[in-house]
Amino acid sequence: MERRLFPRTNISLPFEYQAQLQGSEYSFSNLAVMKNFSIGGLLMSETAPVLQPDDIADFTFKFPSHQVHPLIPHKIRAQGKVKRIEQPTKESSYFGVVLEFLSGPFFIYAD
């Protein structure tokens, strides 16, 4: 039996994220697909992750305007830690990036 602190929602939602690595001037943007989400973190898939396990960063997740729905925020901000990177499989050529939220998430419904 799975023991999670927060229920998760499975979803397939393309988005762009920006990350500012903690203790560094380095920041970047990348495209990914959110695979599941909870108040405690998320799983996203991407083709070539820049992030590495144990990286801590301030994230802004931005959703395309054509996908915005009253229940989907325009942006989500959070500080997160990369818990692990899942390697591609026979079923999927994408990497899975598992983030644990350290603060947030904060939902922004308007710019």
PDB file of N, CA and C in Angstrom:
ATOM      1  N   MET A   1       0.833  -1.189   0.000  1.00  0.00           N
ATOM      2  CA  MET A   1       0.000   0.000   0.000  1.00  0.00           C
ATOM      3  C   MET A   1       0.877   1.251   0.000  1.00  0.00           C
ATOM      4  N   GLU A   2       0.553   2.194  -0.905  1.00  0.00           N
ATOM      5  CA  GLU A   2       1.303   3.445  -0.970  1.00  0.00           C
ATOM      6  C   GLU A   2       0.943   4.332   0.208  1.00  0.00           C
ATOM      7  N   ARG A   3       1.949   4.949   0.780  1.00  0.00           N
ATOM      8  CA  ARG A   3       1.719   5.884   1.881  1.00  0.00           C
ATOM      9  C   ARG A   3       2.244   7.243   1.459  1.00  0.00           C
ATOM     10  N   ARG A   4       1.346   8.079   1.036  1.00  0.00           N
ATOM     11  CA  ARG A   4       1.697   9.427   0.595  1.00  0.00           C
ATOM     12  C   ARG A   4       1.098  10.432   1.558  1.00  0.00           C
ATOM     13  N   LEU A   5       1.818  11.516   1.752  1.00  0.00           N
ATOM     14  CA  LEU A   5       1.298  12.585   2.588  1.00  0.00           C
ATOM     15  C   LEU A   5       0.138  13.305   1.921  1.00  0.00           C
ATOM     16  N   PHE A   6       0.214  13.432   0.582  1.00  0.00           N
ATOM     17  CA  PHE A   6      -0.792  14.179  -0.156  1.00  0.00           C
ATOM     18  C   PHE A   6      -1.290  13.339  -1.321  1.00  0.00           C
ATOM     19  N   PRO A   7      -2.592  13.400  -1.613  1.00  0.00           N
ATOM     20  CA  PRO A   7      -3.083  12.691  -2.797  1.00  0.00           C
ATOM     21  C   PRO A   7      -2.504  13.313  -4.062  1.00  0.00           C
ATOM     22  N   ARG A   8      -2.280  12.501  -5.067  1.00  0.00           N
ATOM     23  CA  ARG A   8      -1.747  13.028  -6.322  1.00  0.00           C
ATOM     24  C   ARG A   8      -2.777  12.879  -7.426  1.00  0.00           C
ATOM     25  N   THR A   9      -2.664  13.754  -8.397  1.00  0.00           N
ATOM     26  CA  THR A   9      -3.549  13.752  -9.556  1.00  0.00           C
ATOM     27  C   THR A   9      -2.715  13.414 -10.782  1.00  0.00           C
ATOM     28  N   ASN A  10      -3.118  12.372 -11.495  1.00  0.00           N
ATOM     29  CA  ASN A  10      -2.451  12.040 -12.750  1.00  0.00           C
ATOM     30  C   ASN A  10      -2.996  12.959 -13.832  1.00  0.00           C
ATOM     31  N   ILE A  11      -2.068  13.482 -14.635  1.00  0.00           N
ATOM     32  CA  ILE A  11      -2.429  14.470 -15.640  1.00  0.00           C
ATOM     33  C   ILE A  11      -1.377  14.418 -16.749  1.00  0.00           C
ATOM     34  N   SER A  12      -1.713  14.850 -17.921  1.00  0.00           N
ATOM     35  CA  SER A  12      -0.725  14.996 -18.996  1.00  0.00           C
ATOM     36  C   SER A  12      -0.882  16.409 -19.532  1.00  0.00           C
ATOM     37  N   LEU A  13      -0.044  17.309 -19.048  1.00  0.00           N
ATOM     38  CA  LEU A  13      -0.208  18.731 -19.328  1.00  0.00           C
ATOM     39  C   LEU A  13       1.132  19.347 -19.726  1.00  0.00           C
ATOM     40  N   PRO A  14       1.309  19.716 -21.002  1.00  0.00           N
ATOM     41  CA  PRO A  14       2.552  20.369 -21.422  1.00  0.00           C
ATOM     42  C   PRO A  14       2.699  21.737 -20.750  1.00  0.00           C
ATOM     43  N   PHE A  15       3.941  22.095 -20.468  1.00  0.00           N
ATOM     44  CA  PHE A  15       4.222  23.390 -19.858  1.00  0.00           C
ATOM     45  C   PHE A  15       5.681  23.749 -20.082  1.00  0.00           C
ATOM     46  N   GLU A  16       6.003  24.995 -19.758  1.00  0.00           N
ATOM     47  CA  GLU A  16       7.388  25.465 -19.751  1.00  0.00           C
ATOM     48  C   GLU A  16       7.736  25.779 -18.311  1.00  0.00           C
ATOM     49  N   TYR A  17       8.948  25.447 -17.931  1.00  0.00           N
ATOM     50  CA  TYR A  17       9.361  25.842 -16.586  1.00  0.00           C
ATOM     51  C   TYR A  17      10.662  26.623 -16.641  1.00  0.00           C
ATOM     52  N   GLN A  18      10.813  27.490 -15.650  1.00  0.00           N
ATOM     53  CA  GLN A  18      12.053  28.225 -15.435  1.00  0.00           C
ATOM     54  C   GLN A  18      12.588  27.782 -14.092  1.00  0.00           C
ATOM     55  N   ALA A  19      13.894  27.610 -14.009  1.00  0.00           N
ATOM     56  CA  ALA A  19      14.524  27.188 -12.761  1.00  0.00           C
ATOM     57  C   ALA A  19      15.735  28.064 -12.475  1.00  0.00           C
ATOM     58  N   GLN A  20      15.813  28.528 -11.237  1.00  0.00           N
ATOM     59  CA  GLN A  20      16.970  29.274 -10.742  1.00  0.00           C
ATOM     60  C   GLN A  20      17.605  28.393  -9.678  1.00  0.00           C
ATOM     61  N   LEU A  21      18.773  27.814 -10.002  1.00  0.00           N
ATOM     62  CA  LEU A  21      19.411  26.900  -9.063  1.00  0.00           C
ATOM     63  C   LEU A  21      19.873  27.628  -7.809  1.00  0.00           C
ATOM     64  N   GLN A  22      19.625  27.003  -6.672  1.00  0.00           N
ATOM     65  CA  GLN A  22      19.983  27.601  -5.391  1.00  0.00           C
ATOM     66  C   GLN A  22      21.503  27.706  -5.278  1.00  0.00           C
ATOM     67  N   GLY A  23      21.957  28.858  -4.783  1.00  0.00           N
ATOM     68  CA  GLY A  23      23.378  29.075  -4.581  1.00  0.00           C
ATOM     69  C   GLY A  23      24.154  29.261  -5.871  1.00  0.00           C
ATOM     70  N   SER A  24      23.459  29.627  -6.948  1.00  0.00           N
ATOM     71  CA  SER A  24      24.100  29.760  -8.249  1.00  0.00           C
ATOM     72  C   SER A  24      23.444  30.897  -9.017  1.00  0.00           C
ATOM     73  N   GLU A  25      24.181  31.452  -9.947  1.00  0.00           N
ATOM     74  CA  GLU A  25      23.632  32.452 -10.853  1.00  0.00           C
ATOM     75  C   GLU A  25      22.929  31.779 -12.024  1.00  0.00           C
ATOM     76  N   TYR A  26      23.062  30.451 -12.126  1.00  0.00           N
ATOM     77  CA  TYR A  26      22.570  29.711 -13.276  1.00  0.00           C
ATOM     78  C   TYR A  26      21.060  29.557 -13.231  1.00  0.00           C
ATOM     79  N   SER A  27      20.416  29.959 -14.319  1.00  0.00           N
ATOM     80  CA  SER A  27      18.984  29.736 -14.473  1.00  0.00           C
ATOM     81  C   SER A  27      18.741  29.301 -15.916  1.00  0.00           C
ATOM     82  N   PHE A  28      17.641  28.610 -16.137  1.00  0.00           N
ATOM     83  CA  PHE A  28      17.332  28.114 -17.472  1.00  0.00           C
ATOM     84  C   PHE A  28      15.840  27.864 -17.592  1.00  0.00           C
ATOM     85  N   SER A  29      15.402  27.672 -18.829  1.00  0.00           N
ATOM     86  CA  SER A  29      14.022  27.311 -19.139  1.00  0.00           C
ATOM     87  C   SER A  29      14.041  26.006 -19.914  1.00  0.00           C
ATOM     88  N   ASN A  30      12.967  25.244 -19.788  1.00  0.00           N
ATOM     89  CA  ASN A  30      12.861  23.994 -20.520  1.00  0.00           C
ATOM     90  C   ASN A  30      11.388  23.659 -20.707  1.00  0.00           C
ATOM     91  N   LEU A  31      11.096  22.835 -21.709  1.00  0.00           N
ATOM     92  CA  LEU A  31       9.742  22.349 -21.936  1.00  0.00           C
ATOM     93  C   LEU A  31       9.623  20.958 -21.332  1.00  0.00           C
ATOM     94  N   ALA A  32       8.449  20.657 -20.782  1.00  0.00           N
ATOM     95  CA  ALA A  32       8.221  19.354 -20.169  1.00  0.00           C
ATOM     96  C   ALA A  32       6.723  19.065 -20.203  1.00  0.00           C
ATOM     97  N   VAL A  33       6.369  17.870 -19.747  1.00  0.00           N
ATOM     98  CA  VAL A  33       4.973  17.473 -19.605  1.00  0.00           C
ATOM     99  C   VAL A  33       4.763  17.028 -18.164  1.00  0.00           C
ATOM    100  N   MET A  34       3.805  17.661 -17.496  1.00  0.00           N
ATOM    101  CA  MET A  34       3.475  17.262 -16.131  1.00  0.00           C
ATOM    102  C   MET A  34       2.719  15.937 -16.199  1.00  0.00           C
ATOM    103  N   LYS A  35       3.197  14.940 -15.470  1.00  0.00           N
ATOM    104  CA  LYS A  35       2.578  13.623 -15.479  1.00  0.00           C
ATOM    105  C   LYS A  35       1.698  13.397 -14.249  1.00  0.00           C
ATOM    106  N   ASN A  36       2.137  13.912 -13.102  1.00  0.00           N
ATOM    107  CA  ASN A  36       1.274  13.901 -11.930  1.00  0.00           C
ATOM    108  C   ASN A  36       1.675  15.046 -11.018  1.00  0.00           C
ATOM    109  N   PHE A  37       0.736  15.399 -10.136  1.00  0.00           N
ATOM    110  CA  PHE A  37       0.912  16.585  -9.290  1.00  0.00           C
ATOM    111  C   PHE A  37       0.253  16.340  -7.952  1.00  0.00           C
ATOM    112  N   SER A  38       0.907  16.818  -6.903  1.00  0.00           N
ATOM    113  CA  SER A  38       0.294  16.864  -5.571  1.00  0.00           C
ATOM    114  C   SER A  38       0.828  18.111  -4.882  1.00  0.00           C
ATOM    115  N   ILE A  39       0.285  18.420  -3.744  1.00  0.00           N
ATOM    116  CA  ILE A  39       0.766  19.566  -2.976  1.00  0.00           C
ATOM    117  C   ILE A  39       2.213  19.343  -2.528  1.00  0.00           C
ATOM    118  N   GLY A  40       2.651  18.091  -2.498  1.00  0.00           N
ATOM    119  CA  GLY A  40       4.012  17.769  -2.067  1.00  0.00           C
ATOM    120  C   GLY A  40       5.050  17.723  -3.168  1.00  0.00           C
ATOM    121  N   GLY A  41       4.617  17.704  -4.443  1.00  0.00           N
ATOM    122  CA  GLY A  41       5.591  17.641  -5.523  1.00  0.00           C
ATOM    123  C   GLY A  41       4.955  17.255  -6.835  1.00  0.00           C
ATOM    124  N   LEU A  42       5.799  16.934  -7.810  1.00  0.00           N
ATOM    125  CA  LEU A  42       5.284  16.559  -9.129  1.00  0.00           C
ATOM    126  C   LEU A  42       6.265  15.647  -9.845  1.00  0.00           C
ATOM    127  N   LEU A  43       5.728  14.989 -10.868  1.00  0.00           N
ATOM    128  CA  LEU A  43       6.536  14.206 -11.799  1.00  0.00           C
ATOM    129  C   LEU A  43       6.348  14.846 -13.162  1.00  0.00           C
ATOM    130  N   MET A  44       7.465  15.169 -13.815  1.00  0.00           N
ATOM    131  CA  MET A  44       7.394  15.701 -15.175  1.00  0.00           C
ATOM    132  C   MET A  44       8.296  14.866 -16.065  1.00  0.00           C
ATOM    133  N   SER A  45       7.945  14.823 -17.346  1.00  0.00           N
ATOM    134  CA  SER A  45       8.795  14.110 -18.292  1.00  0.00           C
ATOM    135  C   SER A  45       9.354  15.116 -19.284  1.00  0.00           C
ATOM    136  N   GLU A  46      10.603  14.878 -19.666  1.00  0.00           N
ATOM    137  CA  GLU A  46      11.256  15.736 -20.636  1.00  0.00           C
ATOM    138  C   GLU A  46      12.305  14.945 -21.399  1.00  0.00           C
ATOM    139  N   THR A  47      12.739  15.490 -22.537  1.00  0.00           N
ATOM    140  CA  THR A  47      13.649  14.748 -23.405  1.00  0.00           C
ATOM    141  C   THR A  47      15.088  14.764 -22.902  1.00  0.00           C
ATOM    142  N   ALA A  48      15.550  15.875 -22.371  1.00  0.00           N
ATOM    143  CA  ALA A  48      16.936  15.991 -21.926  1.00  0.00           C
ATOM    144  C   ALA A  48      17.011  16.879 -20.690  1.00  0.00           C
ATOM    145  N   PRO A  49      16.810  16.304 -19.516  1.00  0.00           N
ATOM    146  CA  PRO A  49      16.786  17.154 -18.310  1.00  0.00           C
ATOM    147  C   PRO A  49      18.137  17.797 -18.014  1.00  0.00           C
ATOM    148  N   VAL A  50      18.083  19.060 -17.646  1.00  0.00           N
ATOM    149  CA  VAL A  50      19.268  19.791 -17.212  1.00  0.00           C
ATOM    150  C   VAL A  50      19.479  19.542 -15.719  1.00  0.00           C
ATOM    151  N   LEU A  51      18.389  19.331 -15.005  1.00  0.00           N
ATOM    152  CA  LEU A  51      18.439  19.130 -13.558  1.00  0.00           C
ATOM    153  C   LEU A  51      19.108  17.803 -13.204  1.00  0.00           C
ATOM    154  N   GLN A  52      19.694  17.775 -12.015  1.00  0.00           N
ATOM    155  CA  GLN A  52      20.351  16.573 -11.501  1.00  0.00           C
ATOM    156  C   GLN A  52      19.765  16.238 -10.124  1.00  0.00           C
ATOM    157  N   PRO A  53      19.846  14.972  -9.703  1.00  0.00           N
ATOM    158  CA  PRO A  53      19.359  14.623  -8.366  1.00  0.00           C
ATOM    159  C   PRO A  53      19.996  15.514  -7.300  1.00  0.00           C
ATOM    160  N   ASP A  54      19.188  15.900  -6.330  1.00  0.00           N
ATOM    161  CA  ASP A  54      19.553  16.761  -5.195  1.00  0.00           C
ATOM    162  C   ASP A  54      19.662  18.236  -5.548  1.00  0.00           C
ATOM    163  N   ASP A  55      19.488  18.617  -6.831  1.00  0.00           N
ATOM    164  CA  ASP A  55      19.435  20.040  -7.164  1.00  0.00           C
ATOM    165  C   ASP A  55      18.242  20.667  -6.449  1.00  0.00           C
ATOM    166  N   ILE A  56      18.444  21.867  -5.926  1.00  0.00           N
ATOM    167  CA  ILE A  56      17.369  22.655  -5.332  1.00  0.00           C
ATOM    168  C   ILE A  56      17.264  23.933  -6.146  1.00  0.00           C
ATOM    169  N   ALA A  57      16.046  24.282  -6.519  1.00  0.00           N
ATOM    170  CA  ALA A  57      15.850  25.453  -7.374  1.00  0.00           C
ATOM    171  C   ALA A  57      14.519  26.110  -7.063  1.00  0.00           C
ATOM    172  N   ASP A  58      14.430  27.382  -7.442  1.00  0.00           N
ATOM    173  CA  ASP A  58      13.157  28.093  -7.433  1.00  0.00           C
ATOM    174  C   ASP A  58      12.561  27.909  -8.822  1.00  0.00           C
ATOM    175  N   PHE A  59      11.347  27.371  -8.876  1.00  0.00           N
ATOM    176  CA  PHE A  59      10.698  27.031 -10.133  1.00  0.00           C
ATOM    177  C   PHE A  59       9.494  27.929 -10.392  1.00  0.00           C
ATOM    178  N   THR A  60       9.302  28.248 -11.661  1.00  0.00           N
ATOM    179  CA  THR A  60       8.057  28.826 -12.149  1.00  0.00           C
ATOM    180  C   THR A  60       7.597  27.928 -13.286  1.00  0.00           C
ATOM    181  N   PHE A  61       6.416  27.352 -13.141  1.00  0.00           N
ATOM    182  CA  PHE A  61       5.816  26.490 -14.158  1.00  0.00           C
ATOM    183  C   PHE A  61       4.752  27.315 -14.871  1.00  0.00           C
ATOM    184  N   LYS A  62       4.889  27.463 -16.199  1.00  0.00           N
ATOM    185  CA  LYS A  62       3.956  28.276 -16.983  1.00  0.00           C
ATOM    186  C   LYS A  62       3.199  27.382 -17.958  1.00  0.00           C
ATOM    187  N   PHE A  63       1.890  27.565 -18.001  1.00  0.00           N
ATOM    188  CA  PHE A  63       1.034  26.750 -18.857  1.00  0.00           C
ATOM    189  C   PHE A  63       0.602  27.563 -20.069  1.00  0.00           C
ATOM    190  N   PRO A  64       0.563  26.940 -21.261  1.00  0.00           N
ATOM    191  CA  PRO A  64       0.139  27.664 -22.468  1.00  0.00           C
ATOM    192  C   PRO A  64      -1.244  28.268 -22.287  1.00  0.00           C
ATOM    193  N   SER A  65      -1.430  29.479 -22.798  1.00  0.00           N
ATOM    194  CA  SER A  65      -2.694  30.191 -22.592  1.00  0.00           C
ATOM    195  C   SER A  65      -3.879  29.442 -23.183  1.00  0.00           C
ATOM    196  N   HIS A  66      -3.683  28.673 -24.259  1.00  0.00           N
ATOM    197  CA  HIS A  66      -4.809  27.942 -24.845  1.00  0.00           C
ATOM    198  C   HIS A  66      -5.257  26.776 -23.965  1.00  0.00           C
ATOM    199  N   GLN A  67      -4.426  26.402 -22.989  1.00  0.00           N
ATOM    200  CA  GLN A  67      -4.801  25.311 -22.086  1.00  0.00           C
ATOM    201  C   GLN A  67      -5.368  25.816 -20.769  1.00  0.00           C
ATOM    202  N   VAL A  68      -5.362  27.119 -20.582  1.00  0.00           N
ATOM    203  CA  VAL A  68      -5.810  27.646 -19.298  1.00  0.00           C
ATOM    204  C   VAL A  68      -7.307  27.402 -19.140  1.00  0.00           C
ATOM    205  N   HIS A  69      -7.628  26.855 -18.033  1.00  0.00           N
ATOM    206  CA  HIS A  69      -8.982  26.478 -17.644  1.00  0.00           C
ATOM    207  C   HIS A  69      -9.170  27.071 -16.254  1.00  0.00           C
ATOM    208  N   PRO A  70     -10.387  27.383 -15.826  1.00  0.00           N
ATOM    209  CA  PRO A  70     -10.563  28.003 -14.507  1.00  0.00           C
ATOM    210  C   PRO A  70      -9.909  27.225 -13.359  1.00  0.00           C
ATOM    211  N   LEU A  71      -9.752  25.924 -13.516  1.00  0.00           N
ATOM    212  CA  LEU A  71      -9.134  25.131 -12.446  1.00  0.00           C
ATOM    213  C   LEU A  71      -7.627  24.978 -12.609  1.00  0.00           C
ATOM    214  N   ILE A  72      -7.081  25.409 -13.747  1.00  0.00           N
ATOM    215  CA  ILE A  72      -5.642  25.317 -13.992  1.00  0.00           C
ATOM    216  C   ILE A  72      -5.053  26.717 -13.881  1.00  0.00           C
ATOM    217  N   PRO A  73      -4.087  26.919 -12.991  1.00  0.00           N
ATOM    218  CA  PRO A  73      -3.498  28.254 -12.857  1.00  0.00           C
ATOM    219  C   PRO A  73      -2.668  28.616 -14.083  1.00  0.00           C
ATOM    220  N   HIS A  74      -2.427  29.919 -14.252  1.00  0.00           N
ATOM    221  CA  HIS A  74      -1.548  30.385 -15.321  1.00  0.00           C
ATOM    222  C   HIS A  74      -0.110  29.973 -15.012  1.00  0.00           C
ATOM    223  N   LYS A  75       0.248  30.053 -13.727  1.00  0.00           N
ATOM    224  CA  LYS A  75       1.599  29.715 -13.280  1.00  0.00           C
ATOM    225  C   LYS A  75       1.526  29.042 -11.914  1.00  0.00           C
ATOM    226  N   ILE A  76       2.554  28.272 -11.633  1.00  0.00           N
ATOM    227  CA  ILE A  76       2.761  27.720 -10.293  1.00  0.00           C
ATOM    228  C   ILE A  76       4.201  28.053  -9.920  1.00  0.00           C
ATOM    229  N   ARG A  77       4.391  28.574  -8.728  1.00  0.00           N
ATOM    230  CA  ARG A  77       5.744  28.855  -8.226  1.00  0.00           C
ATOM    231  C   ARG A  77       6.000  27.977  -7.006  1.00  0.00           C
ATOM    232  N   ALA A  78       7.225  27.469  -6.918  1.00  0.00           N
ATOM    233  CA  ALA A  78       7.602  26.631  -5.786  1.00  0.00           C
ATOM    234  C   ALA A  78       9.114  26.504  -5.736  1.00  0.00           C
ATOM    235  N   GLN A  79       9.613  26.244  -4.549  1.00  0.00           N
ATOM    236  CA  GLN A  79      11.005  25.818  -4.427  1.00  0.00           C
ATOM    237  C   GLN A  79      10.959  24.305  -4.354  1.00  0.00           C
ATOM    238  N   GLY A  80      11.806  23.650  -5.124  1.00  0.00           N
ATOM    239  CA  GLY A  80      11.763  22.201  -5.171  1.00  0.00           C
ATOM    240  C   GLY A  80      13.136  21.576  -5.168  1.00  0.00           C
ATOM    241  N   LYS A  81      13.155  20.317  -4.773  1.00  0.00           N
ATOM    242  CA  LYS A  81      14.374  19.506  -4.767  1.00  0.00           C
ATOM    243  C   LYS A  81      14.152  18.322  -5.695  1.00  0.00           C
ATOM    244  N   VAL A  82      15.125  18.053  -6.553  1.00  0.00           N
ATOM    245  CA  VAL A  82      15.045  16.897  -7.447  1.00  0.00           C
ATOM    246  C   VAL A  82      15.312  15.646  -6.619  1.00  0.00           C
ATOM    247  N   LYS A  83      14.270  14.839  -6.465  1.00  0.00           N
ATOM    248  CA  LYS A  83      14.401  13.597  -5.695  1.00  0.00           C
ATOM    249  C   LYS A  83      15.098  12.508  -6.503  1.00  0.00           C
ATOM    250  N   ARG A  84      14.722  12.423  -7.785  1.00  0.00           N
ATOM    251  CA  ARG A  84      15.368  11.431  -8.648  1.00  0.00           C
ATOM    252  C   ARG A  84      15.050  11.745 -10.106  1.00  0.00           C
ATOM    253  N   ILE A  85      15.875  11.155 -10.973  1.00  0.00           N
ATOM    254  CA  ILE A  85      15.670  11.203 -12.413  1.00  0.00           C
ATOM    255  C   ILE A  85      15.434   9.761 -12.860  1.00  0.00           C
ATOM    256  N   GLU A  86      14.276   9.520 -13.478  1.00  0.00           N
ATOM    257  CA  GLU A  86      13.950   8.187 -13.971  1.00  0.00           C
ATOM    258  C   GLU A  86      14.413   8.084 -15.421  1.00  0.00           C
ATOM    259  N   GLN A  87      15.116   7.024 -15.737  1.00  0.00           N
ATOM    260  CA  GLN A  87      15.658   6.823 -17.082  1.00  0.00           C
ATOM    261  C   GLN A  87      14.556   6.443 -18.068  1.00  0.00           C
ATOM    262  N   PRO A  88      14.767   6.730 -19.356  1.00  0.00           N
ATOM    263  CA  PRO A  88      13.801   6.295 -20.379  1.00  0.00           C
ATOM    264  C   PRO A  88      13.624   4.775 -20.344  1.00  0.00           C
ATOM    265  N   THR A  89      12.474   4.327 -20.806  1.00  0.00           N
ATOM    266  CA  THR A  89      12.159   2.902 -20.825  1.00  0.00           C
ATOM    267  C   THR A  89      11.761   2.486 -22.237  1.00  0.00           C
ATOM    268  N   LYS A  90      11.443   1.219 -22.410  1.00  0.00           N
ATOM    269  CA  LYS A  90      10.947   0.749 -23.715  1.00  0.00           C
ATOM    270  C   LYS A  90       9.638   1.432 -24.072  1.00  0.00           C
ATOM    271  N   GLU A  91       8.815   1.759 -23.046  1.00  0.00           N
ATOM    272  CA  GLU A  91       7.517   2.386 -23.273  1.00  0.00           C
ATOM    273  C   GLU A  91       7.613   3.887 -23.536  1.00  0.00           C
ATOM    274  N   SER A  92       8.671   4.525 -23.038  1.00  0.00           N
ATOM    275  CA  SER A  92       8.785   5.978 -23.182  1.00  0.00           C
ATOM    276  C   SER A  92      10.246   6.371 -23.348  1.00  0.00           C
ATOM    277  N   SER A  93      10.509   7.241 -24.312  1.00  0.00           N
ATOM    278  CA  SER A  93      11.877   7.709 -24.537  1.00  0.00           C
ATOM    279  C   SER A  93      12.199   8.958 -23.714  1.00  0.00           C
ATOM    280  N   TYR A  94      11.289   9.341 -22.818  1.00  0.00           N
ATOM    281  CA  TYR A  94      11.475  10.537 -22.008  1.00  0.00           C
ATOM    282  C   TYR A  94      12.013  10.202 -20.625  1.00  0.00           C
ATOM    283  N   PHE A  95      12.746  11.157 -20.064  1.00  0.00           N
ATOM    284  CA  PHE A  95      13.207  11.047 -18.686  1.00  0.00           C
ATOM    285  C   PHE A  95      12.081  11.507 -17.766  1.00  0.00           C
ATOM    286  N   GLY A  96      11.982  10.913 -16.604  1.00  0.00           N
ATOM    287  CA  GLY A  96      11.047  11.377 -15.582  1.00  0.00           C
ATOM    288  C   GLY A  96      11.818  12.140 -14.517  1.00  0.00           C
ATOM    289  N   VAL A  97      11.370  13.336 -14.193  1.00  0.00           N
ATOM    290  CA  VAL A  97      12.015  14.152 -13.164  1.00  0.00           C
ATOM    291  C   VAL A  97      11.038  14.278 -12.008  1.00  0.00           C
ATOM    292  N   VAL A  98      11.439  13.784 -10.848  1.00  0.00           N
ATOM    293  CA  VAL A  98      10.592  13.799  -9.664  1.00  0.00           C
ATOM    294  C   VAL A  98      11.046  14.944  -8.762  1.00  0.00           C
ATOM    295  N   LEU A  99      10.140  15.904  -8.530  1.00  0.00           N
ATOM    296  CA  LEU A  99      10.425  17.054  -7.673  1.00  0.00           C
ATOM    297  C   LEU A  99       9.641  16.964  -6.381  1.00  0.00           C
ATOM    298  N   GLU A 100      10.301  17.276  -5.292  1.00  0.00           N
ATOM    299  CA  GLU A 100       9.633  17.440  -3.997  1.00  0.00           C
ATOM    300  C   GLU A 100       9.599  18.934  -3.704  1.00  0.00           C
ATOM    301  N   PHE A 101       8.415  19.459  -3.381  1.00  0.00           N
ATOM    302  CA  PHE A 101       8.314  20.876  -3.049  1.00  0.00           C
ATOM    303  C   PHE A 101       8.829  21.113  -1.638  1.00  0.00           C
ATOM    304  N   LEU A 102       9.726  22.090  -1.507  1.00  0.00           N
ATOM    305  CA  LEU A 102      10.250  22.489  -0.201  1.00  0.00           C
ATOM    306  C   LEU A 102       9.480  23.679   0.347  1.00  0.00           C
ATOM    307  N   SER A 103       8.967  24.520  -0.553  1.00  0.00           N
ATOM    308  CA  SER A 103       8.050  25.599  -0.180  1.00  0.00           C
ATOM    309  C   SER A 103       7.093  25.798  -1.346  1.00  0.00           C
ATOM    310  N   GLY A 104       5.891  26.214  -1.021  1.00  0.00           N
ATOM    311  CA  GLY A 104       4.854  26.315  -2.035  1.00  0.00           C
ATOM    312  C   GLY A 104       4.154  24.974  -2.149  1.00  0.00           C
ATOM    313  N   PRO A 105       3.431  24.734  -3.188  1.00  0.00           N
ATOM    314  CA  PRO A 105       3.311  25.537  -4.401  1.00  0.00           C
ATOM    315  C   PRO A 105       2.352  26.713  -4.220  1.00  0.00           C
ATOM    316  N   PHE A 106       2.638  27.780  -4.964  1.00  0.00           N
ATOM    317  CA  PHE A 106       1.796  28.955  -4.980  1.00  0.00           C
ATOM    318  C   PHE A 106       1.165  29.054  -6.358  1.00  0.00           C
ATOM    319  N   PHE A 107      -0.146  29.127  -6.394  1.00  0.00           N
ATOM    320  CA  PHE A 107      -0.911  29.116  -7.635  1.00  0.00           C
ATOM    321  C   PHE A 107      -1.239  30.546  -8.049  1.00  0.00           C
ATOM    322  N   ILE A 108      -0.934  30.895  -9.307  1.00  0.00           N
ATOM    323  CA  ILE A 108      -1.170  32.231  -9.824  1.00  0.00           C
ATOM    324  C   ILE A 108      -2.179  32.089 -10.967  1.00  0.00           C
ATOM    325  N   TYR A 109      -3.350  32.694 -10.803  1.00  0.00           N
ATOM    326  CA  TYR A 109      -4.428  32.534 -11.780  1.00  0.00           C
ATOM    327  C   TYR A 109      -4.539  33.683 -12.757  1.00  0.00           C
ATOM    328  N   ALA A 110      -3.776  34.739 -12.583  1.00  0.00           N
ATOM    329  CA  ALA A 110      -3.752  35.872 -13.513  1.00  0.00           C
ATOM    330  C   ALA A 110      -2.358  36.452 -13.522  1.00  0.00           C
ATOM    331  N   ASP A 111      -1.972  37.042 -14.652  1.00  0.00           N
ATOM    332  CA  ASP A 111      -0.620  37.623 -14.746  1.00  0.00           C
ATOM    333  C   ASP A 111      -0.536  38.943 -14.045  1.00  0.00           C
TER     334      ASP A 111
END
